Structures are given as structure tokens and as C-alpha cells.
């Protein structure tokens, strides 16, 4: 699988939807909740790939049977909440101004700013942090109907059709916000093969769909 920045964002929205309290974004809290832990580990791996957090080299070891074991406690640095810093836009303070050009250009196209030269680091952080906060909220609404495997009554089926129609339009609208968030995260439009993430950034190879079935 090739991971794009949109895939990464959807993963972040999914994880925060399951675990909205940033106090829980650590190994000790999530170690007994594999669905949430694996999602967080994937996020941290991709943050390392994007250069947003330091890459922890010592994240795996070979056991006595010659099997590669991911040291998951080492991947999550409990002294610093890298995901919290990310969603608040703290990583943007370490970026050069020319790395904001694509995002600022898209913001101008939304007619919310007259000229991109008027936008600065504070604008970048504000847009990113509030944009992420909004997306966490709206993603809950967008995914609402997905919780129904089947609708037994005509009234409920009618409601779900209406919700799906509304959400379809809403997805089109928030797509523009996502595009700007993507440019802030990854202005060079890098993509990563999962095999590379596993080898170099501690990406967990676990089958998340299978884990979800077993635990959720």
C-alpha cells in the first residue's frame, strides 16, 4: 500500500474520533486497546516520515526465535505528545515561509484573504489548528450513518438517505479544507510505501481490519 497525506489525515480523524482526549494518546493508556494503539502507532510513524517528529531508531528488536518485534513503548514518547503538538500546528513553527506557499495560495482561492503575501506564520497555525478541530467535529457527523448496518423501518431508511445526501455535500465542502491541511503537512506531496514505513519508521505491520473485528 502507498500512503498519501489524505490517507494519513483520515487515519488521524478516525483515531481522534475513537479517542478524543489527548491525555489518552500514550502507550500506558492504550496498551490494552489494540485498535486505538495500532492507529496511534501508525500516525506517529507517518509523523516521523514527514519529518514532523523525530524518528526513534530503536523501535524494534529480534527475539530469540529470530522474529522482528516492534518495541511499541519506545515508539510512543510519553514525555512529549507529538500528536497533540501536531494537531495544534506546533510543527509549523519549524517550517520555512516558502513551505506555506501552496497552502496560502489555496486559502486565497477560497476568497477569505485578498493576497497571499498578507498571510503569515500565525495565519498558518490558526488555520491548521482550527481546521483540524473543525474536521474532528464534522467527521463525527459524516460517519454517523455508517454505524447502521441495516435499517429495519421505512422511517429510519428515509432518515438515513437524507443524512447520506447531506453528508455527501458536506464531504465535498470539507474536501477543500483537507486540501489546504494537506499542503501544510506535506508541501512536497511525498507518498510512502508501507514497506518503507515498516522498515524505517516503526510502522506496525498488524492487520488493523482483523484487530478491529476482534476487539471492537
Protein backbone atom coordinates (compact mmCIF):
# COMPACT_ATOMS: atom_id res chain seq x y z
CA UNK A 1 0.00 0.00 0.00
CA UNK A 2 1.12 3.54 -0.76
CA UNK A 3 0.27 6.06 1.96
CA UNK A 4 -0.79 9.53 0.83
CA UNK A 5 -1.30 12.54 3.08
CA UNK A 6 -5.05 12.19 2.63
CA UNK A 7 -4.80 8.62 3.94
CA UNK A 8 -2.85 9.99 6.89
CA UNK A 9 -5.44 12.67 7.65
CA UNK A 10 -8.29 10.16 7.52
CA UNK A 11 -6.32 7.99 9.95
CA UNK A 12 -5.93 10.93 12.34
CA UNK A 13 -9.65 11.76 12.13
CA UNK A 14 -10.50 8.12 12.77
CA UNK A 15 -8.20 7.83 15.79
CA UNK A 16 -9.33 11.08 17.41
CA UNK A 17 -12.94 10.02 16.87
CA UNK A 18 -12.20 6.87 18.90
CA UNK A 19 -10.01 8.60 21.47
CA UNK A 20 -10.78 12.35 21.59
CA UNK A 21 -8.98 13.09 24.88
CA UNK A 22 -5.31 13.89 24.18
CA UNK A 23 -4.42 12.68 27.68
CA UNK A 24 -5.02 9.16 26.37
CA UNK A 25 -2.57 9.47 23.48
CA UNK A 26 0.17 7.37 25.10
CA UNK A 27 1.28 3.77 25.38
CA UNK A 28 0.35 3.18 29.02
CA UNK A 29 -3.28 4.19 28.42
CA UNK A 30 -3.75 2.39 25.10
CA UNK A 31 -1.62 -0.74 25.59
CA UNK A 32 -4.72 -2.86 26.31
CA UNK A 33 -6.72 -1.36 23.44
CA UNK A 34 -5.07 -2.68 20.24
CA UNK A 35 -7.40 -0.89 17.76
CA UNK A 36 -6.52 2.52 19.18
CA UNK A 37 -2.88 1.69 19.89
CA UNK A 38 -2.18 0.50 16.35
CA UNK A 39 -3.80 3.62 14.92
CA UNK A 40 -1.66 5.86 17.13
CA UNK A 41 1.49 3.95 16.20
CA UNK A 42 0.68 4.36 12.52
CA UNK A 43 0.13 8.09 13.00
CA UNK A 44 3.43 8.53 14.84
CA UNK A 45 5.24 6.54 12.16
CA UNK A 46 3.90 8.84 9.45
CA UNK A 47 4.71 11.94 11.51
CA UNK A 48 8.27 10.66 11.57
CA UNK A 49 8.24 10.10 7.81
CA UNK A 50 7.03 13.66 7.24
CA UNK A 51 9.80 14.96 9.49
CA UNK A 52 7.25 16.38 11.94
CA UNK A 53 8.53 14.31 14.87
CA UNK A 54 11.98 12.82 15.49
CA UNK A 55 12.30 9.29 14.21
CA UNK A 56 13.07 6.87 17.02
CA UNK A 57 15.68 4.48 15.62
CA UNK A 58 15.44 1.98 18.47
CA UNK A 59 11.88 0.85 17.90
CA UNK A 60 12.34 -2.85 17.21
CA UNK A 61 14.45 -5.85 18.14
CA UNK A 62 14.92 -9.50 17.16
CA UNK A 63 13.71 -12.05 19.71
CA UNK A 64 15.31 -15.44 20.40
CA UNK A 65 13.32 -17.05 17.58
CA UNK A 66 14.64 -14.51 15.07
CA UNK A 67 11.30 -12.69 14.83
CA UNK A 68 11.23 -8.90 14.48
CA UNK A 69 9.38 -7.38 17.45
CA UNK A 70 8.19 -3.78 17.45
CA UNK A 71 9.06 -2.05 20.72
CA UNK A 72 5.80 -0.16 20.96
CA UNK A 73 6.57 1.51 24.25
CA UNK A 74 9.66 3.05 22.63
CA UNK A 75 7.76 4.33 19.60
CA UNK A 76 5.45 6.46 21.77
CA UNK A 77 7.49 9.07 23.62
CA UNK A 78 5.37 9.66 26.72
CA UNK A 79 7.43 12.73 27.63
CA UNK A 80 6.15 14.61 24.60
CA UNK A 81 2.74 14.29 22.98
CA UNK A 82 3.75 14.59 19.33
CA UNK A 83 0.21 14.09 18.04
CA UNK A 84 -1.17 16.86 20.26
CA UNK A 85 1.59 19.20 19.10
CA UNK A 86 0.80 18.26 15.52
CA UNK A 87 -2.96 18.91 15.65
CA UNK A 88 -2.28 22.26 17.32
CA UNK A 89 0.01 23.24 14.43
CA UNK A 90 3.16 23.47 16.52
CA UNK A 91 5.23 21.80 13.81
CA UNK A 92 4.63 24.79 11.51
CA UNK A 93 6.91 26.94 13.68
CA UNK A 94 9.83 24.85 12.40
CA UNK A 95 8.93 25.35 8.74
CA UNK A 96 10.31 27.99 6.40
CA UNK A 97 7.90 30.55 4.96
CA UNK A 98 8.26 29.24 1.40
CA UNK A 99 6.80 25.91 2.54
CA UNK A 100 3.46 27.70 3.14
CA UNK A 101 3.11 28.99 -0.42
CA UNK A 102 0.88 26.21 -1.73
CA UNK A 103 -1.41 26.32 1.29
CA UNK A 104 -1.64 30.12 1.26
CA UNK A 105 -2.47 30.07 -2.45
CA UNK A 106 -5.38 27.71 -1.80
CA UNK A 107 -6.59 29.89 1.08
CA UNK A 108 -6.65 32.90 -1.23
CA UNK A 109 -8.72 30.91 -3.72
CA UNK A 110 -11.36 30.48 -1.01
CA UNK A 111 -11.75 34.30 -1.09
CA UNK A 112 -11.02 34.54 2.63
CA UNK A 113 -7.86 36.55 2.04
CA UNK A 114 -7.07 39.23 -0.52
CA UNK A 115 -3.41 38.43 -1.13
CA UNK A 116 -1.25 35.54 -0.04
CA UNK A 117 1.55 37.96 0.92
CA UNK A 118 -0.67 39.17 3.77
CA UNK A 119 -0.69 35.71 5.33
CA UNK A 120 1.97 34.76 7.87
CA UNK A 121 3.01 32.04 10.33
CA UNK A 122 0.24 32.98 12.75
CA UNK A 123 -2.33 32.59 9.96
CA UNK A 124 -0.87 29.17 9.14
CA UNK A 125 -1.07 27.95 12.74
CA UNK A 126 -4.57 29.36 13.23
CA UNK A 127 -5.92 27.85 10.02
CA UNK A 128 -4.33 24.49 10.70
CA UNK A 129 -5.29 24.12 14.37
CA UNK A 130 -8.86 25.36 13.95
CA UNK A 131 -9.22 23.47 10.67
CA UNK A 132 -8.22 20.25 12.40
CA UNK A 133 -10.55 20.94 15.32
CA UNK A 134 -13.43 21.52 12.92
CA UNK A 135 -12.65 18.37 10.95
CA UNK A 136 -12.68 16.27 14.12
CA UNK A 137 -16.15 17.59 14.89
CA UNK A 138 -17.58 17.28 11.40
CA UNK A 139 -16.09 13.83 10.83
CA UNK A 140 -18.30 12.52 13.60
CA UNK A 141 -21.34 13.74 11.64
CA UNK A 142 -20.05 12.46 8.30
CA UNK A 143 -19.55 8.97 9.73
CA UNK A 144 -22.88 8.93 11.59
CA UNK A 145 -24.86 6.81 9.11
CA UNK A 146 -22.02 4.31 8.72
CA UNK A 147 -22.90 2.95 12.16
CA UNK A 148 -26.12 1.42 10.79
CA UNK A 149 -25.66 -1.96 9.12
CA UNK A 150 -29.34 -2.11 8.19
CA UNK A 151 -32.44 -0.02 8.75
CA UNK A 152 -35.48 -2.01 9.81
CA UNK A 153 -38.15 0.68 9.48
CA UNK A 154 -39.18 2.84 6.49
CA UNK A 155 -38.85 5.95 8.64
CA UNK A 156 -35.26 5.17 9.58
CA UNK A 157 -34.37 4.30 5.99
CA UNK A 158 -35.75 7.67 4.87
CA UNK A 159 -33.74 9.45 7.56
CA UNK A 160 -30.52 7.67 6.62
CA UNK A 161 -30.98 8.50 2.93
CA UNK A 162 -31.41 12.17 3.86
CA UNK A 163 -28.36 12.08 6.14
CA UNK A 164 -26.29 10.44 3.39
CA UNK A 165 -27.34 13.14 0.92
CA UNK A 166 -26.38 15.89 3.36
CA UNK A 167 -23.09 14.20 4.19
CA UNK A 168 -22.24 13.76 0.51
CA UNK A 169 -22.43 17.53 0.05
CA UNK A 170 -20.60 18.12 3.31
CA UNK A 171 -17.75 15.87 2.20
CA UNK A 172 -17.38 17.93 -0.97
CA UNK A 173 -17.15 21.11 1.12
CA UNK A 174 -14.64 19.84 3.67
CA UNK A 175 -12.53 18.42 0.84
CA UNK A 176 -11.32 21.99 0.22
CA UNK A 177 -10.26 22.32 3.85
CA UNK A 178 -8.47 18.98 3.70
CA UNK A 179 -6.54 20.06 0.62
CA UNK A 180 -5.14 23.05 2.50
CA UNK A 181 -4.30 20.97 5.57
CA UNK A 182 -2.50 18.52 3.28
CA UNK A 183 -0.36 21.31 1.81
CA UNK A 184 0.63 22.47 5.28
CA UNK A 185 1.59 18.93 6.30
CA UNK A 186 3.29 17.82 3.10
CA UNK A 187 4.02 20.65 0.65
CA UNK A 188 6.33 18.37 -1.35
CA UNK A 189 3.48 15.85 -1.86
CA UNK A 190 5.52 12.88 -0.67
CA UNK A 191 4.00 9.41 -0.67
CA UNK A 192 5.33 6.41 1.24
CA UNK A 193 5.23 2.71 0.58
CA UNK A 194 4.09 0.86 3.68
CA UNK A 195 7.10 -1.44 3.46
CA UNK A 196 9.39 1.60 3.79
CA UNK A 197 7.41 2.89 6.77
CA UNK A 198 7.68 -0.51 8.45
CA UNK A 199 11.44 -0.76 7.85
CA UNK A 200 12.46 2.79 8.73
CA UNK A 201 9.73 4.43 10.82
CA UNK A 202 8.33 1.72 13.08
CA UNK A 203 5.02 1.40 11.23
CA UNK A 204 3.15 -1.55 12.78
CA UNK A 205 2.55 -4.35 10.26
CA UNK A 206 -0.57 -5.56 12.13
CA UNK A 207 -3.77 -6.24 10.18
CA UNK A 208 -5.93 -3.42 11.56
CA UNK A 209 -9.16 -4.69 10.00
CA UNK A 210 -8.70 -8.06 11.68
CA UNK A 211 -7.88 -6.38 15.00
CA UNK A 212 -11.00 -4.22 14.75
CA UNK A 213 -13.17 -7.29 14.21
CA UNK A 214 -11.65 -8.99 17.24
CA UNK A 215 -11.77 -6.06 19.66
CA UNK A 216 -14.42 -3.59 18.52
